[in-house]
Amino acid sequence: MLAALVLRVHGLGKANLWLDEANSWYVASLPWPNLWANLRASPLGPLYFVVLKLWMSVAGASEAALRAPSLIASIALIPLVYALGVRTVSHRAACIGAALTALSPLHLYFAQEARMYMPLALLAGAVLLTYVEWRDVVTQPIDVPTPRRRGIVALALYSIMSMAMLGTNAVSGPLLVAINIDALIVLARQVPARRRRRGIAGWLVANGVIVAAALGIVLFLVPRAAEASQAWRGALGVVGAAQSLLEYPVSAIHGVYFYADELVRAFSDVRYTPSRAAVRRFATLFIAQPVVVGVIVVAIARVWREAWRDRARVLTLAALVPVIIGAVISVRRQVDLTRYFLYATTSLYLLIGAGLARLSRRACALGLACFGAAIAIGTQRTYAVGSRDSDYRSIARDLLARRGEAGSVIVQPSEMYEPLSYYLNGRLDLPIVRVAQHAPLAPAVAHAGHNPVLIVIDYRSPLYGTPPDSLESALGECVTNDTYDAASGAGVRLVLAVPSRCGVPAPAHIPASSTPTTEPGGRRHVR
């Protein structure tokens, strides 16, 4: 745990606050009535944003402070994974699973992100542990005295944790599906006949409470607005969804900063333009991808039969059901499995640990060494990234330095107002006009009348990569300055336009824009 804490604290506030994190800050900064209205139009649960708002009132809103709840949740998850492993697989497997949880570059990334995914993983682990406690109580032999109160307390905690989990993010629903599948098997096969009726009754009551809470969340939402906020998701198709499903267990070990085609390109470099750097890059990718795949396959194959029996079965279902459901959804609507189903990695780590624990000591040590090398490479890559998505720190400095040159600011897409406003921190006394991603910018420029306008164009905008001549034409032939280099912010283009120089007439009004926020890989959230 100490090693995990050091890894997570290091560089906690170094990287920029990217779009989704800025969205967390923006929503949590709203007054309570506006906060509720915003969350009602989002499919995300309200709990994380409410907790973050309370946290910000105490800890502030720096990058490190906003990410601290995720860090705390990731540290608390480690002993929970160990306890779950002891109850479901073995002490040795629990140690390996907890170590993977502590050192995983994937968990490191989300422990340093101001979003709900790491707190969700902690709640999911608590749900699994309370379920296992109840299951162990109801499956005790008749001749073993078991206090009835113990089972009732376990079910009560299970219900509370499940409601908190659903209230954090609805993507946790598939975990409850997995648990209920295991519970049906347990009640039908493993519970003594004299306890079965009481066990079924208790389980139905607990799930009835959870369903009632879920219906309350559904009634809290505005269905059309919540559905519209997800309409942007593109279809991956069967092949793309299958690929994302296969990449999931490998990403759980080496982290998010690897891509499926990297190894092929590295091999091509070694073959056609050999150099020490190319060979070193190919070797590191070979360890992080094919070697990791081999170790995972060997470990899972070693424990596959036992993984479907008795105690470990719930781990298998908890690892498989959510990601399979996510992959099926991705055929029609893309879902990032490593992000939304991060909570399933804890069960996967314990299953891998169980498989490695059943190998000989030498084979187990070799497998752990391979994992250790892949984890070290993934951790180094995670630390090496200085900018998470578009970086608005330098753009905010540019705008503050040049605010005397313009009468207003335009930002496209409109959701990029959030990271921009975070780094401006209320210091820019100019109106900011937000334009939707695919809306034309010329009307907004013309609306500025005779006043110069500074235009912030994010890479998500279709105009970001256009040549200068095409951009000038799109804006009304009034561009006087156009830069998009590292000094102006990674992934951001800053343009100065003076409508009066071209005689562009100002329209009576500009259509209002409203678009959902976007994450890398195409995820959008609350507006």
Protein backbone atom coordinates (compact mmCIF):
# COMPACT_ATOMS: atom_id res chain seq x y z
CA MET A 1 0.00 0.00 0.00
CA LEU A 2 2.90 2.33 0.71
CA ALA A 3 4.31 1.71 -2.77
CA ALA A 4 0.88 2.34 -4.28
CA LEU A 5 0.55 5.59 -2.34
CA VAL A 6 3.96 6.82 -3.51
CA LEU A 7 3.17 5.94 -7.13
CA ARG A 8 -0.17 7.73 -7.03
CA VAL A 9 0.93 10.84 -5.18
CA HIS A 10 3.87 11.38 -7.53
CA GLY A 11 2.77 13.79 -10.26
CA LEU A 12 -0.83 13.95 -9.00
CA GLY A 13 -1.27 17.59 -10.05
CA LYS A 14 1.30 17.67 -12.85
CA ALA A 15 -0.86 16.82 -15.88
CA ASN A 16 -3.44 19.28 -17.10
CA LEU A 17 -7.09 18.95 -16.21
CA TRP A 18 -8.55 17.45 -19.37
CA LEU A 19 -12.10 17.77 -20.66
CA ASP A 20 -13.90 15.20 -18.52
CA GLU A 21 -12.07 16.29 -15.38
CA ALA A 22 -12.93 19.92 -16.15
CA ASN A 23 -16.51 18.74 -16.58
CA SER A 24 -16.40 17.25 -13.06
CA TRP A 25 -15.13 20.57 -11.70
CA TYR A 26 -17.69 22.58 -13.67
CA VAL A 27 -20.68 20.50 -12.58
CA ALA A 28 -19.55 20.32 -8.92
CA SER A 29 -19.00 24.11 -8.93
CA LEU A 30 -22.60 24.86 -9.88
CA PRO A 31 -25.07 26.11 -7.26
CA TRP A 32 -27.20 23.27 -5.88
CA PRO A 33 -30.32 23.97 -8.02
CA ASN A 34 -28.22 24.16 -11.19
CA LEU A 35 -26.30 21.05 -10.17
CA TRP A 36 -29.49 19.00 -9.86
CA ALA A 37 -30.82 20.33 -13.17
CA ASN A 38 -27.55 19.46 -14.90
CA LEU A 39 -27.42 15.94 -13.47
CA ARG A 40 -31.02 15.24 -14.44
CA ALA A 41 -30.00 15.65 -18.09
CA SER A 42 -27.14 13.16 -17.74
CA PRO A 43 -27.16 9.35 -17.57
CA LEU A 44 -24.46 9.52 -14.89
CA GLY A 45 -25.44 9.07 -11.28
CA PRO A 46 -25.42 12.17 -9.05
CA LEU A 47 -23.49 10.75 -6.09
CA TYR A 48 -19.93 11.43 -7.30
CA PHE A 49 -20.65 15.06 -8.18
CA VAL A 50 -22.40 15.71 -4.86
CA VAL A 51 -19.44 14.23 -2.95
CA LEU A 52 -16.98 16.19 -5.11
CA LYS A 53 -18.86 19.43 -4.43
CA LEU A 54 -18.63 18.82 -0.68
CA TRP A 55 -14.98 17.83 -1.01
CA MET A 56 -14.16 21.01 -2.96
CA SER A 57 -15.66 23.13 -0.21
CA VAL A 58 -12.98 21.70 2.10
CA ALA A 59 -9.97 20.86 -0.09
CA GLY A 60 -10.27 23.46 -2.85
CA ALA A 61 -10.26 23.01 -6.62
CA SER A 62 -6.63 22.53 -7.61
CA GLU A 63 -5.78 19.65 -9.96
CA ALA A 64 -4.40 17.61 -7.05
CA ALA A 65 -7.40 18.35 -4.82
CA LEU A 66 -9.90 17.37 -7.52
CA ARG A 67 -8.07 14.08 -8.11
CA ALA A 68 -7.58 13.26 -4.43
CA PRO A 69 -10.93 11.39 -3.99
CA SER A 70 -9.93 8.99 -6.78
CA LEU A 71 -6.52 8.52 -5.17
CA ILE A 72 -8.07 7.78 -1.77
CA ALA A 73 -10.51 5.30 -3.33
CA SER A 74 -7.68 3.51 -5.17
CA ILE A 75 -5.68 3.06 -1.96
CA ALA A 76 -8.73 1.81 -0.04
CA LEU A 77 -9.41 -0.68 -2.83
CA ILE A 78 -6.16 -2.61 -2.24
CA PRO A 79 -6.98 -4.19 1.17
CA LEU A 80 -10.52 -4.76 -0.02
CA VAL A 81 -9.23 -6.79 -2.98
CA TYR A 82 -7.04 -8.79 -0.61
CA ALA A 83 -9.99 -9.52 1.70
CA LEU A 84 -12.12 -10.54 -1.28
CA GLY A 85 -9.37 -12.82 -2.57
CA VAL A 86 -8.95 -14.57 0.78
CA ARG A 87 -12.70 -15.26 0.86
CA THR A 88 -12.97 -16.51 -2.74
CA VAL A 89 -9.66 -18.01 -3.91
CA SER A 90 -6.63 -18.29 -1.61
CA HIS A 91 -4.25 -16.27 0.53
CA ARG A 92 -1.50 -16.47 -2.09
CA ALA A 93 -3.84 -15.47 -4.91
CA ALA A 94 -5.17 -12.61 -2.77
CA CYS A 95 -1.62 -11.31 -2.30
CA ILE A 96 -0.95 -11.40 -6.06
CA GLY A 97 -4.32 -9.78 -6.86
CA ALA A 98 -3.76 -7.01 -4.31
CA ALA A 99 -0.23 -6.42 -5.66
CA LEU A 100 -1.55 -6.12 -9.23
CA THR A 101 -4.20 -3.68 -8.00
CA ALA A 102 -1.59 -1.61 -6.19
CA LEU A 103 0.93 -1.46 -9.04
CA SER A 104 -1.32 -1.49 -12.12
CA PRO A 105 -0.62 1.43 -14.51
CA LEU A 106 -4.32 1.32 -15.42
CA HIS A 107 -5.32 1.94 -11.81
CA LEU A 108 -2.56 4.54 -11.52
CA TYR A 109 -4.09 6.46 -14.43
CA PHE A 110 -7.61 6.49 -12.99
CA ALA A 111 -6.34 7.15 -9.47
CA GLN A 112 -5.02 10.43 -10.89
CA GLU A 113 -8.21 11.39 -12.72
CA ALA A 114 -11.00 13.54 -11.32
CA ARG A 115 -13.80 11.22 -12.43
CA MET A 116 -15.98 8.63 -10.78
CA TYR A 117 -14.38 5.46 -12.18
CA MET A 118 -12.02 4.69 -9.30
CA PRO A 119 -14.63 5.41 -6.57
CA LEU A 120 -16.97 3.18 -8.58
CA ALA A 121 -14.37 0.38 -8.51
CA LEU A 122 -14.14 0.72 -4.72
CA LEU A 123 -17.92 0.52 -4.32
CA ALA A 124 -18.09 -2.46 -6.68
CA GLY A 125 -15.47 -4.26 -4.61
CA ALA A 126 -17.47 -3.54 -1.45
CA VAL A 127 -20.63 -4.90 -3.10
CA LEU A 128 -18.81 -8.12 -4.01
CA LEU A 129 -17.36 -8.52 -0.53
CA THR A 130 -20.72 -8.04 1.23
CA TYR A 131 -22.34 -10.48 -1.18
CA VAL A 132 -19.65 -13.09 -0.44
CA GLU A 133 -20.25 -12.57 3.29
CA TRP A 134 -23.99 -13.24 2.84
CA ARG A 135 -23.32 -16.23 0.59
CA ASP A 136 -20.96 -17.78 3.14
CA VAL A 137 -23.60 -17.38 5.86
CA VAL A 138 -26.48 -18.99 3.94
CA THR A 139 -24.35 -21.89 2.67
CA GLN A 140 -23.15 -22.97 6.13
CA PRO A 141 -24.13 -26.57 7.02
CA ILE A 142 -27.15 -26.95 9.30
CA ASP A 143 -25.02 -28.32 12.14
CA VAL A 144 -22.84 -25.18 12.15
CA PRO A 145 -24.39 -22.48 14.33
CA THR A 146 -24.61 -19.18 12.44
CA PRO A 147 -26.06 -16.01 13.96
CA ARG A 148 -29.04 -14.89 11.91
CA ARG A 149 -28.05 -11.29 12.51
CA ARG A 150 -24.82 -11.79 10.52
CA GLY A 151 -26.72 -12.61 7.33
CA ILE A 152 -29.14 -9.70 7.82
CA VAL A 153 -26.28 -7.24 8.31
CA ALA A 154 -24.49 -8.58 5.21
CA LEU A 155 -27.65 -8.16 3.10
CA ALA A 156 -28.25 -4.66 4.46
CA LEU A 157 -24.68 -3.62 3.62
CA TYR A 158 -25.01 -5.25 0.21
CA SER A 159 -28.13 -3.21 -0.51
CA ILE A 160 -26.59 0.06 0.69
CA MET A 161 -23.38 -0.43 -1.30
CA SER A 162 -25.32 -1.46 -4.41
CA MET A 163 -27.49 1.66 -4.24
CA ALA A 164 -24.40 3.84 -3.79
CA MET A 165 -22.76 2.08 -6.73
CA LEU A 166 -25.74 2.61 -9.03
CA GLY A 167 -25.99 6.19 -7.84
CA THR A 168 -22.39 6.74 -8.91
CA ASN A 169 -22.71 5.33 -12.43
CA ALA A 170 -25.30 3.13 -14.10
CA VAL A 171 -22.57 1.15 -15.90
CA SER A 172 -22.21 -0.81 -12.65
CA GLY A 173 -25.56 -2.51 -13.34
CA PRO A 174 -23.96 -5.51 -15.13
CA LEU A 175 -22.08 -6.36 -11.93
CA LEU A 176 -25.41 -6.85 -10.16
CA VAL A 177 -26.49 -9.09 -13.05
CA ALA A 178 -23.35 -11.20 -12.50
CA ILE A 179 -23.95 -11.39 -8.74
CA ASN A 180 -27.59 -12.40 -9.18
CA ILE A 181 -26.60 -15.20 -11.55
CA ASP A 182 -24.26 -16.56 -8.89
CA ALA A 183 -26.90 -16.06 -6.18
CA LEU A 184 -29.45 -18.10 -8.16
CA ILE A 185 -26.95 -20.96 -8.45
CA VAL A 186 -26.10 -20.71 -4.76
CA LEU A 187 -29.74 -20.68 -3.64
CA ALA A 188 -30.63 -23.60 -5.92
CA ARG A 189 -27.65 -25.85 -5.22
CA GLN A 190 -25.64 -24.86 -2.17
CA VAL A 191 -28.05 -23.57 0.47
CA PRO A 192 -29.31 -26.28 2.86
CA ALA A 193 -33.01 -27.03 2.28
CA ARG A 194 -34.03 -25.82 5.75
CA ARG A 195 -32.46 -22.41 5.11
CA ARG A 196 -33.43 -22.02 1.44
CA ARG A 197 -36.80 -20.33 1.95
CA ARG A 198 -35.35 -17.80 4.39
CA GLY A 199 -32.38 -17.20 2.08
CA ILE A 200 -34.61 -16.61 -0.95
CA ALA A 201 -36.85 -14.25 1.02
CA GLY A 202 -33.90 -12.21 2.28
CA TRP A 203 -32.35 -12.02 -1.17
CA LEU A 204 -35.64 -10.89 -2.75
CA VAL A 205 -36.08 -8.17 -0.15
CA ALA A 206 -32.54 -6.88 -0.64
CA ASN A 207 -32.91 -6.80 -4.41
CA GLY A 208 -36.34 -5.19 -4.10
CA VAL A 209 -34.75 -2.31 -2.19
CA ILE A 210 -32.05 -1.97 -4.87
CA VAL A 211 -34.61 -2.02 -7.70
CA ALA A 212 -36.67 0.65 -5.91
CA ALA A 213 -33.55 2.84 -5.63
CA ALA A 214 -32.75 2.26 -9.30
CA LEU A 215 -36.29 3.30 -10.27
CA GLY A 216 -35.81 6.42 -8.16
CA ILE A 217 -32.69 7.26 -10.17
CA VAL A 218 -34.60 6.68 -13.42
CA LEU A 219 -37.40 8.99 -12.27
CA PHE A 220 -34.79 11.60 -11.30
CA LEU A 221 -33.49 11.71 -14.88
CA VAL A 222 -34.97 13.50 -17.86
CA PRO A 223 -34.96 10.51 -20.27
CA ARG A 224 -34.86 12.42 -23.56
CA ALA A 225 -32.04 14.70 -22.45
CA ALA A 226 -30.04 11.81 -21.00
CA GLU A 227 -30.53 9.77 -24.17
CA ALA A 228 -29.61 12.72 -26.39
CA SER A 229 -26.36 13.20 -24.48
CA GLN A 230 -25.26 9.74 -25.66
CA ALA A 231 -26.48 10.01 -29.26
CA TRP A 232 -22.96 10.85 -30.49
CA ARG A 233 -21.63 7.34 -29.81
CA GLY A 234 -20.54 5.63 -33.01
CA ALA A 235 -20.88 1.93 -33.72
CA LEU A 236 -17.75 -0.24 -33.45
CA GLY A 237 -19.31 -3.16 -35.28
CA VAL A 238 -18.76 -6.80 -34.40
CA VAL A 239 -15.05 -6.79 -35.28
CA GLY A 240 -14.27 -3.59 -33.37
CA ALA A 241 -16.24 -4.73 -30.33
CA ALA A 242 -14.47 -8.10 -30.32
CA GLN A 243 -11.10 -6.35 -30.57
CA SER A 244 -11.88 -4.11 -27.60
CA LEU A 245 -12.97 -7.18 -25.62
CA LEU A 246 -9.69 -8.97 -26.36
CA GLU A 247 -7.63 -5.88 -25.51
CA TYR A 248 -9.30 -5.45 -22.11
CA PRO A 249 -7.26 -7.98 -20.04
CA VAL A 250 -3.97 -6.80 -21.57
CA SER A 251 -4.78 -3.14 -20.91
CA ALA A 252 -5.53 -4.12 -17.31
CA ILE A 253 -1.84 -4.99 -16.95
CA HIS A 254 0.05 -2.50 -19.12
CA GLY A 255 -2.23 0.54 -18.86
CA VAL A 256 -3.91 2.87 -21.34
CA TYR A 257 -0.94 4.26 -23.26
CA PHE A 258 -0.51 1.32 -25.65
CA TYR A 259 -2.20 0.74 -28.99
CA ALA A 260 -2.99 -2.43 -30.88
CA ASP A 261 -0.93 -1.57 -33.97
CA GLU A 262 2.17 -0.32 -32.14
CA LEU A 263 3.93 -3.68 -32.17
CA VAL A 264 3.42 -4.08 -35.92
CA ARG A 265 4.82 -0.61 -36.59
CA ALA A 266 7.76 -1.25 -34.24
CA PHE A 267 8.54 -4.51 -36.08
CA SER A 268 8.39 -2.64 -39.38
CA ASP A 269 10.90 -0.10 -38.04
CA VAL A 270 13.28 -2.87 -36.94
CA ARG A 271 12.99 -4.57 -40.32
CA TYR A 272 13.35 -1.58 -42.64
CA THR A 273 15.16 1.09 -40.57
CA PRO A 274 17.03 -0.85 -37.88
CA SER A 275 18.55 1.05 -34.98
CA ARG A 276 19.12 0.55 -31.26
CA ALA A 277 16.13 2.73 -30.45
CA ALA A 278 13.90 0.74 -32.82
CA VAL A 279 15.06 -2.60 -31.33
CA ARG A 280 14.54 -1.30 -27.79
CA ARG A 281 11.05 -0.05 -28.65
CA PHE A 282 10.13 -3.39 -30.25
CA ALA A 283 11.44 -5.30 -27.21
CA THR A 284 9.44 -3.21 -24.73
CA LEU A 285 6.26 -3.57 -26.78
CA PHE A 286 6.85 -7.30 -27.15
CA ILE A 287 7.01 -7.61 -23.36
CA ALA A 288 3.99 -5.35 -22.81
CA GLN A 289 1.74 -7.10 -25.32
CA PRO A 290 2.44 -10.67 -26.57
CA VAL A 291 4.31 -11.75 -23.42
CA VAL A 292 1.55 -10.40 -21.18
CA VAL A 293 -1.06 -12.17 -23.32
CA GLY A 294 0.85 -15.43 -22.93
CA VAL A 295 1.10 -15.14 -19.14
CA ILE A 296 -2.61 -14.26 -18.82
CA VAL A 297 -3.62 -17.22 -21.01
CA VAL A 298 -1.46 -19.63 -19.01
CA ALA A 299 -2.75 -18.31 -15.68
CA ILE A 300 -6.42 -18.40 -16.66
CA ALA A 301 -6.08 -21.84 -18.28
CA ARG A 302 -4.56 -23.16 -15.07
CA VAL A 303 -7.53 -22.09 -12.97
CA TRP A 304 -10.36 -22.12 -15.52
CA ARG A 305 -12.22 -25.15 -14.18
CA GLU A 306 -11.97 -24.09 -10.56
CA ALA A 307 -13.03 -20.56 -11.53
CA TRP A 308 -16.55 -21.80 -12.28
CA ARG A 309 -16.95 -23.66 -9.02
CA ASP A 310 -18.19 -22.59 -5.61
CA ARG A 311 -16.35 -19.62 -4.13
CA ALA A 312 -14.45 -18.32 -7.20
CA ARG A 313 -17.47 -18.45 -9.51
CA VAL A 314 -18.66 -14.98 -8.53
CA LEU A 315 -15.25 -13.55 -9.50
CA THR A 316 -15.46 -15.17 -12.91
CA LEU A 317 -18.95 -13.81 -13.50
CA ALA A 318 -17.97 -10.37 -12.18
CA ALA A 319 -15.02 -10.24 -14.59
CA LEU A 320 -16.83 -11.59 -17.66
CA VAL A 321 -20.44 -10.38 -17.56
CA PRO A 322 -19.78 -6.59 -17.43
CA VAL A 323 -17.16 -6.53 -20.20
CA ILE A 324 -19.17 -8.87 -22.44
CA ILE A 325 -22.25 -6.67 -22.01
CA GLY A 326 -20.08 -3.62 -22.73
CA ALA A 327 -18.70 -5.25 -25.89
CA VAL A 328 -22.22 -6.14 -27.07
CA ILE A 329 -23.33 -2.53 -26.53
CA SER A 330 -20.25 -1.34 -28.45
CA VAL A 331 -21.44 -3.08 -31.58
CA ARG A 332 -24.11 -0.35 -31.82
CA ARG A 333 -22.82 2.34 -29.41
CA GLN A 334 -19.13 2.59 -28.51
CA VAL A 335 -18.21 2.01 -24.87
CA ASP A 336 -14.63 2.23 -23.60
CA LEU A 337 -14.33 -1.01 -21.64
CA THR A 338 -11.20 -0.12 -19.65
CA ARG A 339 -12.84 3.08 -18.41
CA TYR A 340 -16.47 2.17 -17.79
CA PHE A 341 -15.74 -1.36 -16.59
CA LEU A 342 -12.60 -0.61 -14.63
CA TYR A 343 -14.35 -2.20 -11.64
CA ALA A 344 -14.16 -5.63 -13.33
CA THR A 345 -10.34 -5.58 -13.30
CA THR A 346 -10.19 -6.39 -9.57
CA SER A 347 -11.92 -9.73 -10.15
CA LEU A 348 -9.66 -10.33 -13.15
CA TYR A 349 -6.54 -9.67 -11.04
CA LEU A 350 -7.69 -12.20 -8.44
CA LEU A 351 -8.38 -14.84 -11.10
CA ILE A 352 -4.95 -14.26 -12.64
CA GLY A 353 -3.45 -14.45 -9.15
CA ALA A 354 -5.25 -17.75 -8.54
CA GLY A 355 -3.87 -19.14 -11.79
CA LEU A 356 -0.32 -18.04 -11.07
CA ALA A 357 -0.57 -19.41 -7.53
CA ARG A 358 -1.32 -22.88 -8.93
CA LEU A 359 1.85 -22.90 -11.05
CA SER A 360 5.21 -24.11 -9.78
CA ARG A 361 7.23 -21.56 -7.87
CA ARG A 362 9.62 -21.07 -10.77
CA ALA A 363 6.81 -20.62 -13.32
CA CYS A 364 4.94 -18.31 -10.98
CA ALA A 365 8.07 -16.19 -10.44
CA LEU A 366 8.65 -16.01 -14.20
CA GLY A 367 5.05 -14.92 -14.81
CA LEU A 368 5.26 -12.26 -12.11
CA ALA A 369 8.58 -11.04 -13.56
CA CYS A 370 6.94 -10.62 -16.98
CA PHE A 371 4.05 -8.74 -15.41
CA GLY A 372 6.49 -6.62 -13.42
CA ALA A 373 8.36 -5.62 -16.59
CA ALA A 374 5.11 -4.75 -18.38
CA ILE A 375 3.87 -2.77 -15.37
CA ALA A 376 7.17 -0.86 -15.17
CA ILE A 377 6.93 0.03 -18.87
CA GLY A 378 3.29 1.08 -18.52
CA THR A 379 4.03 3.16 -15.42
CA GLN A 380 6.90 4.92 -17.20
CA ARG A 381 4.61 5.74 -20.12
CA THR A 382 1.93 7.05 -17.78
CA TYR A 383 4.38 9.39 -16.07
CA ALA A 384 5.87 10.51 -19.40
CA VAL A 385 2.58 12.00 -20.57
CA GLY A 386 2.60 15.69 -19.71
CA SER A 387 -0.75 16.56 -21.28
CA ARG A 388 -3.99 14.62 -20.99
CA ASP A 389 -5.89 15.47 -24.16
CA SER A 390 -6.12 19.17 -25.14
CA ASP A 391 -4.06 21.34 -22.81
CA TYR A 392 -5.67 24.71 -22.04
CA ARG A 393 -3.07 25.98 -19.59
CA SER A 394 -1.00 27.90 -22.13
CA ILE A 395 -4.08 28.96 -24.10
CA ALA A 396 -5.49 30.54 -20.94
CA ARG A 397 -2.18 32.41 -20.46
CA ASP A 398 -2.27 33.58 -24.09
CA LEU A 399 -5.83 34.85 -23.74
CA LEU A 400 -5.03 36.72 -20.54
CA ALA A 401 -1.98 38.29 -22.18
CA ARG A 402 -3.93 39.31 -25.30
CA ARG A 403 -7.27 40.27 -23.78
CA GLY A 404 -6.68 43.90 -24.74
CA GLU A 405 -6.66 42.92 -28.42
CA ALA A 406 -10.24 41.63 -28.58
CA GLY A 407 -13.75 42.35 -27.39
CA SER A 408 -14.85 38.73 -27.01
CA VAL A 409 -13.72 35.09 -27.21
CA ILE A 410 -15.24 32.25 -29.21
CA VAL A 411 -14.59 28.60 -28.35
CA GLN A 412 -15.42 25.58 -30.51
CA PRO A 413 -16.60 22.96 -29.64
CA SER A 414 -18.77 24.45 -26.92
CA GLU A 415 -17.83 21.83 -24.31
CA MET A 416 -14.23 23.10 -24.32
CA TYR A 417 -15.51 26.12 -22.41
CA GLU A 418 -15.08 24.03 -19.26
CA PRO A 419 -11.31 23.35 -19.32
CA LEU A 420 -10.76 26.86 -20.67
CA SER A 421 -12.79 28.49 -17.90
CA TYR A 422 -11.04 26.33 -15.28
CA TYR A 423 -7.63 27.71 -16.23
CA LEU A 424 -8.92 31.25 -16.78
CA ASN A 425 -10.23 31.10 -13.20
CA GLY A 426 -12.50 34.12 -13.67
CA ARG A 427 -9.61 36.42 -14.63
CA LEU A 428 -10.71 37.09 -18.22
CA ASP A 429 -13.22 39.95 -18.26
CA LEU A 430 -14.42 39.19 -21.80
CA PRO A 431 -17.61 37.41 -22.91
CA ILE A 432 -17.06 33.86 -24.12
CA VAL A 433 -19.31 32.59 -26.91
CA ARG A 434 -19.66 28.82 -27.26
CA VAL A 435 -20.21 27.26 -30.68
CA ALA A 436 -21.26 23.64 -31.24
CA GLN A 437 -18.79 21.22 -32.76
CA HIS A 438 -20.18 21.14 -36.31
CA ALA A 439 -21.81 24.58 -36.35
CA PRO A 440 -20.33 27.28 -38.64
CA LEU A 441 -18.07 29.80 -36.92
CA ALA A 442 -18.64 32.68 -39.38
CA PRO A 443 -21.99 33.80 -37.86
CA ALA A 444 -20.42 33.98 -34.40
CA VAL A 445 -17.51 36.03 -35.78
CA ALA A 446 -19.90 38.33 -37.67
CA HIS A 447 -21.94 38.84 -34.52
CA ALA A 448 -18.90 40.48 -32.93
CA GLY A 449 -19.54 43.45 -35.24
CA HIS A 450 -16.52 45.75 -35.44
CA ASN A 451 -14.73 44.28 -32.45
CA PRO A 452 -11.78 41.89 -32.88
CA VAL A 453 -12.43 38.40 -31.58
CA LEU A 454 -10.09 35.67 -30.32
CA ILE A 455 -11.18 32.22 -31.51
CA VAL A 456 -10.16 29.06 -29.64
CA ILE A 457 -10.46 26.04 -31.94
CA ASP A 458 -9.99 22.63 -30.33
CA TYR A 459 -8.83 19.64 -32.37
CA ARG A 460 -12.37 18.25 -32.12
CA SER A 461 -13.55 21.10 -34.34
CA PRO A 462 -13.64 20.32 -38.08
CA LEU A 463 -11.75 23.60 -38.64
CA TYR A 464 -8.77 22.70 -36.46
CA GLY A 465 -6.63 21.14 -39.17
CA THR A 466 -7.79 23.23 -42.13
CA PRO A 467 -5.15 25.19 -44.11
CA PRO A 468 -4.92 28.93 -43.33
CA ASP A 469 -6.60 29.96 -46.59
CA SER A 470 -9.54 27.62 -45.99
CA LEU A 471 -9.87 28.76 -42.39
CA GLU A 472 -9.87 32.42 -43.41
CA SER A 473 -12.57 31.71 -45.97
CA ALA A 474 -14.66 29.83 -43.39
CA LEU A 475 -14.43 32.74 -40.93
CA GLY A 476 -15.30 35.50 -43.40
CA GLU A 477 -11.87 36.52 -44.75
CA CYS A 478 -11.01 38.42 -41.59
CA VAL A 479 -8.16 36.45 -39.96
CA THR A 480 -5.21 38.57 -38.87
CA ASN A 481 -3.34 36.06 -36.70
CA ASP A 482 -3.38 32.25 -36.69
CA THR A 483 -1.24 29.96 -34.50
CA TYR A 484 -1.53 26.39 -33.34
CA ASP A 485 1.80 25.33 -31.97
CA ALA A 486 2.91 23.90 -28.64
CA ALA A 487 3.20 27.37 -27.14
CA SER A 488 -0.51 27.90 -27.66
CA GLY A 489 -1.63 24.65 -26.09
CA ALA A 490 -1.51 21.02 -27.23
CA GLY A 491 -4.39 20.28 -29.56
CA VAL A 492 -5.66 23.88 -29.61
CA ARG A 493 -5.54 26.56 -32.32
CA LEU A 494 -5.80 30.26 -31.47
CA VAL A 495 -7.03 32.70 -34.12
CA LEU A 496 -7.48 36.49 -34.04
CA ALA A 497 -10.17 37.78 -36.38
CA VAL A 498 -11.24 41.39 -37.04
CA PRO A 499 -14.67 41.40 -38.74
CA SER A 500 -14.60 45.16 -39.39
CA ARG A 501 -11.70 44.79 -41.80
CA CYS A 502 -13.84 42.73 -44.12
CA GLY A 503 -17.16 44.47 -43.66
CA VAL A 504 -18.87 41.32 -42.40
CA PRO A 505 -22.43 42.21 -41.35
CA ALA A 506 -23.55 41.20 -37.89
CA PRO A 507 -26.58 38.88 -37.84
CA ALA A 508 -29.51 39.53 -35.53
CA HIS A 509 -28.73 36.50 -33.41
CA ILE A 510 -26.61 33.37 -33.14
CA PRO A 511 -28.33 30.00 -32.73
CA ALA A 512 -27.79 28.64 -29.24
CA SER A 513 -25.47 25.69 -29.06
CA SER A 514 -25.54 22.78 -26.70
CA THR A 515 -23.43 19.68 -27.08
CA PRO A 516 -22.35 16.98 -24.63
CA THR A 517 -18.79 16.79 -23.39
CA THR A 518 -16.29 14.39 -24.92
CA GLU A 519 -13.55 12.10 -23.65
CA PRO A 520 -10.72 10.52 -25.67
CA GLY A 521 -12.17 7.58 -27.54
CA GLY A 522 -15.45 9.42 -28.00
CA ARG A 523 -17.09 9.48 -24.58
CA ARG A 524 -19.41 12.38 -23.76
CA HIS A 525 -20.99 13.37 -20.54
CA VAL A 526 -23.06 15.89 -18.64
CA ARG A 527 -23.84 19.30 -19.95
